[in-house]
Amino acid sequence: MEPTTLARYGLLLVFLSVLLDQGGLPVPSLPILLACGALAAKGEISLPLLLLASTLASLAADSVWYALGRWRGPQVLKLFCRVSLHADEIISDMERSMRHHGVFSIVVAKFVPGVATIAPPLAGALGVSISRFLFASSITGLAWAAGLVGLGWLFRDTIAEATQWIEALGVWALVLLGLLLTCYVAYVWRRRRRAAALERGRSPEPLPGEPADVPSEAS
């Protein structure tokens, strides 16, 4: 039986989708990991290589953000505040958590939507050692990928039917995915603009590595 398109290019798709997803782009790596987990259960994709590809991609994305945080911490975190909803509150909460719990906060952050991408540059800005960061990022990347691949393995029959239906659609599946992705990006962008308009008059808390503003005395 000829392997499916996903079986032939699954490892490459997993690596690229996880790399872009963990890098902060709206790329859906979750359904790809689930589908490849179902293929691994049927022996069409190597399970060790699947976990290795996803873990390396996650580690690569985290490492880039960590390096940017060490190099230009406040500027990178300000970027998140401009493009993400309530990022300043998330950064403040994560900073307190990292100061109290260390790399354990990085472990937890990987499984929290909206926090996973912010944690690596924040760790760099706070001066978390590279060895501790890489260890925590590797373990959490593997655990995160294994959880999604494991779900795909358990529900392999249902996922296989959905995958066959998508492949039968051919190019129309890509068109549908593009439309859904466009609608999602437009929705998130509109929400962020509204939130930015509401919070424009509020003074944000100083970011890690950035000096606090000192109010000037009235003359």
Protein backbone atom coordinates (compact mmCIF):
# COMPACT_ATOMS: atom_id res chain seq x y z
CA MET A 1 0.00 0.00 0.00
CA GLU A 2 1.38 3.39 -1.04
CA PRO A 3 2.08 5.69 1.93
CA THR A 4 -0.05 8.79 2.30
CA THR A 5 1.28 12.30 1.77
CA LEU A 6 1.35 12.87 5.51
CA ALA A 7 3.27 9.64 6.07
CA ARG A 8 5.89 10.65 3.49
CA TYR A 9 6.41 14.20 4.73
CA GLY A 10 5.12 13.90 8.28
CA LEU A 11 8.44 14.39 10.07
CA LEU A 12 9.23 17.51 8.04
CA LEU A 13 5.74 18.92 8.60
CA VAL A 14 6.01 18.24 12.33
CA PHE A 15 9.37 19.96 12.61
CA LEU A 16 8.30 23.04 10.64
CA SER A 17 4.87 23.40 12.24
CA VAL A 18 6.20 23.04 15.80
CA LEU A 19 9.09 25.41 15.07
CA LEU A 20 6.74 28.11 13.74
CA ASP A 21 4.06 27.48 16.37
CA GLN A 22 6.47 27.69 19.29
CA GLY A 23 8.07 30.65 17.57
CA GLY A 24 4.83 32.57 18.00
CA LEU A 25 3.28 32.29 14.55
CA PRO A 26 -0.35 31.14 14.14
CA VAL A 27 0.59 27.74 12.67
CA PRO A 28 -1.54 24.80 13.89
CA SER A 29 0.99 22.21 15.04
CA LEU A 30 -1.51 20.42 17.29
CA PRO A 31 -3.57 18.68 14.54
CA ILE A 32 -0.37 17.68 12.71
CA LEU A 33 1.04 16.07 15.85
CA LEU A 34 -2.25 14.27 16.47
CA ALA A 35 -2.40 13.00 12.89
CA CYS A 36 1.23 11.84 12.96
CA GLY A 37 0.60 10.14 16.29
CA ALA A 38 -2.16 8.14 14.61
CA LEU A 39 0.21 7.20 11.78
CA ALA A 40 2.88 6.17 14.29
CA ALA A 41 0.37 3.81 15.91
CA LYS A 42 -0.03 2.10 12.53
CA GLY A 43 3.70 1.92 11.92
CA GLU A 44 3.69 4.45 9.06
CA ILE A 45 5.93 6.92 10.92
CA SER A 46 8.75 6.16 13.35
CA LEU A 47 7.64 7.12 16.86
CA PRO A 48 11.18 7.90 18.15
CA LEU A 49 11.92 10.12 15.12
CA LEU A 50 8.54 11.83 15.51
CA LEU A 51 9.26 12.72 19.14
CA LEU A 52 12.82 13.74 18.27
CA ALA A 53 11.69 16.07 15.45
CA SER A 54 9.05 17.78 17.59
CA THR A 55 11.36 18.13 20.60
CA LEU A 56 14.21 19.59 18.55
CA ALA A 57 11.84 22.04 16.86
CA SER A 58 10.44 23.17 20.19
CA LEU A 59 13.92 23.51 21.67
CA ALA A 60 15.15 25.50 18.65
CA ALA A 61 12.27 27.99 18.88
CA ASP A 62 12.67 28.35 22.65
CA SER A 63 16.44 28.85 22.31
CA VAL A 64 16.00 31.66 19.78
CA TRP A 65 13.55 33.46 22.07
CA TYR A 66 15.84 32.88 25.06
CA ALA A 67 18.82 34.37 23.19
CA LEU A 68 16.74 37.38 22.15
CA GLY A 69 15.67 37.84 25.75
CA ARG A 70 19.31 37.80 26.94
CA TRP A 71 20.31 40.22 24.19
CA ARG A 72 17.40 42.67 24.11
CA GLY A 73 15.09 41.67 26.94
CA PRO A 74 12.97 44.82 27.45
CA GLN A 75 12.59 45.45 23.71
CA VAL A 76 11.49 41.86 23.03
CA LEU A 77 9.00 41.89 25.90
CA LYS A 78 7.61 45.23 24.71
CA LEU A 79 7.01 43.57 21.35
CA PHE A 80 4.86 40.93 23.06
CA CYS A 81 2.95 43.67 24.87
CA ARG A 82 2.14 45.32 21.53
CA VAL A 83 0.98 42.20 19.72
CA SER A 84 -0.56 40.06 22.49
CA LEU A 85 -3.63 40.52 24.65
CA HIS A 86 -2.82 41.20 28.31
CA ALA A 87 0.84 40.30 27.72
CA ASP A 88 2.00 42.84 30.30
CA GLU A 89 -0.04 41.08 33.01
CA ILE A 90 1.22 37.67 31.89
CA ILE A 91 4.83 38.90 31.96
CA SER A 92 4.41 40.35 35.45
CA ASP A 93 2.90 37.10 36.75
CA MET A 94 5.58 34.98 35.04
CA GLU A 95 8.36 37.19 36.39
CA ARG A 96 7.14 36.72 39.96
CA SER A 97 6.76 32.99 39.39
CA MET A 98 10.27 32.60 37.95
CA ARG A 99 11.82 34.56 40.79
CA HIS A 100 10.12 32.28 43.33
CA HIS A 101 10.08 28.90 41.55
CA GLY A 102 12.89 29.14 38.99
CA VAL A 103 12.87 26.82 35.97
CA PHE A 104 9.79 25.01 37.29
CA SER A 105 7.82 27.97 35.92
CA ILE A 106 9.22 27.25 32.45
CA VAL A 107 7.99 23.66 32.75
CA VAL A 108 4.46 24.77 33.60
CA ALA A 109 4.43 27.58 31.01
CA LYS A 110 4.89 25.16 28.09
CA PHE A 111 1.39 23.76 28.72
CA VAL A 112 -0.37 27.14 29.13
CA PRO A 113 -1.63 28.80 25.91
CA GLY A 114 -0.40 32.36 25.59
CA VAL A 115 2.45 31.82 28.06
CA ALA A 116 4.61 29.20 26.32
CA THR A 117 6.11 31.73 23.88
CA ILE A 118 6.63 34.47 26.48
CA ALA A 119 8.49 32.30 29.00
CA PRO A 120 11.76 31.76 27.02
CA PRO A 121 12.58 35.45 26.36
CA LEU A 122 11.55 36.31 29.90
CA ALA A 123 13.91 33.63 31.22
CA GLY A 124 16.69 35.16 29.16
CA ALA A 125 15.89 38.66 30.38
CA LEU A 126 15.94 37.49 34.00
CA GLY A 127 19.32 35.83 33.57
CA VAL A 128 18.33 32.17 33.95
CA SER A 129 21.44 30.11 33.18
CA ILE A 130 21.60 28.60 29.70
CA SER A 131 22.20 25.06 31.02
CA ARG A 132 19.15 25.13 33.30
CA PHE A 133 17.02 26.66 30.57
CA LEU A 134 18.03 24.11 27.92
CA PHE A 135 17.41 21.24 30.33
CA ALA A 136 13.93 22.53 31.26
CA SER A 137 13.05 23.36 27.66
CA SER A 138 14.13 19.92 26.39
CA ILE A 139 12.16 18.02 29.03
CA THR A 140 9.01 20.11 28.61
CA GLY A 141 9.23 20.03 24.81
CA LEU A 142 9.42 16.24 24.88
CA ALA A 143 6.57 15.95 27.39
CA TRP A 144 4.37 18.38 25.43
CA ALA A 145 4.95 16.54 22.14
CA ALA A 146 4.54 13.10 23.73
CA GLY A 147 1.19 14.11 25.17
CA LEU A 148 -0.20 15.19 21.79
CA VAL A 149 1.32 12.25 19.93
CA GLY A 150 -0.09 9.94 22.61
CA LEU A 151 -3.58 11.33 22.07
CA GLY A 152 -3.21 10.73 18.35
CA TRP A 153 -2.08 7.17 19.10
CA LEU A 154 -5.13 6.50 21.30
CA PHE A 155 -7.67 7.96 18.85
CA ARG A 156 -5.91 6.70 15.73
CA ASP A 157 -9.02 5.30 14.02
CA THR A 158 -11.04 8.50 14.28
CA ILE A 159 -8.06 10.67 13.29
CA ALA A 160 -7.21 8.38 10.36
CA GLU A 161 -10.73 8.83 8.95
CA ALA A 162 -10.47 12.61 9.25
CA THR A 163 -7.01 12.59 7.63
CA GLN A 164 -8.25 10.52 4.68
CA TRP A 165 -11.17 12.90 4.22
CA ILE A 166 -8.83 15.91 4.20
CA GLU A 167 -6.46 14.27 1.72
CA ALA A 168 -9.42 13.44 -0.52
CA LEU A 169 -10.29 17.14 -0.67
CA GLY A 170 -6.82 17.86 -2.03
CA VAL A 171 -6.22 21.53 -2.78
CA TRP A 172 -9.62 22.49 -1.36
CA ALA A 173 -8.41 21.39 2.07
CA LEU A 174 -5.58 23.92 1.81
CA VAL A 175 -8.04 26.62 0.71
CA LEU A 176 -10.32 25.84 3.65
CA LEU A 177 -7.37 25.84 6.06
CA GLY A 178 -6.19 29.18 4.65
CA LEU A 179 -9.64 30.73 5.10
CA LEU A 180 -9.93 29.49 8.67
CA LEU A 181 -6.44 30.75 9.47
CA THR A 182 -7.21 34.14 7.93
CA CYS A 183 -10.42 34.46 9.95
CA TYR A 184 -8.57 33.49 13.13
CA VAL A 185 -5.78 36.02 12.56
CA ALA A 186 -8.33 38.76 11.76
CA TYR A 187 -10.30 37.94 14.92
CA VAL A 188 -7.19 38.00 17.13
CA TRP A 189 -5.96 41.24 15.51
CA ARG A 190 -9.31 42.94 16.10
CA ARG A 191 -9.38 41.85 19.75
CA ARG A 192 -5.85 43.11 20.27
CA ARG A 193 -6.68 46.48 18.73
CA ARG A 194 -9.70 46.87 20.98
CA ALA A 195 -7.70 45.86 24.06
CA ALA A 196 -4.90 48.26 23.11
CA ALA A 197 -7.41 51.08 22.71
CA LEU A 198 -8.88 50.39 26.15
CA GLU A 199 -5.49 50.18 27.85
CA ARG A 200 -3.80 53.03 26.02
CA GLY A 201 -4.16 55.41 28.93
CA ARG A 202 -2.86 52.96 31.54
CA SER A 203 0.82 53.09 32.52
CA PRO A 204 2.32 49.59 32.20
CA GLU A 205 4.54 48.08 34.86
CA PRO A 206 8.29 48.22 34.10
CA LEU A 207 9.53 45.16 32.23
CA PRO A 208 12.47 43.01 33.44
CA GLY A 209 15.71 44.83 32.74
CA GLU A 210 13.95 48.16 32.31
CA PRO A 211 14.28 50.91 34.95
CA ALA A 212 11.08 52.01 36.65
CA ASP A 213 9.80 55.48 35.88
CA VAL A 214 10.29 57.88 38.76
CA PRO A 215 7.59 60.56 38.93
CA SER A 216 9.01 64.05 38.80
CA GLU A 217 8.24 66.41 41.63
CA ALA A 218 5.99 69.31 40.92
CA SER A 219 7.83 72.57 40.84
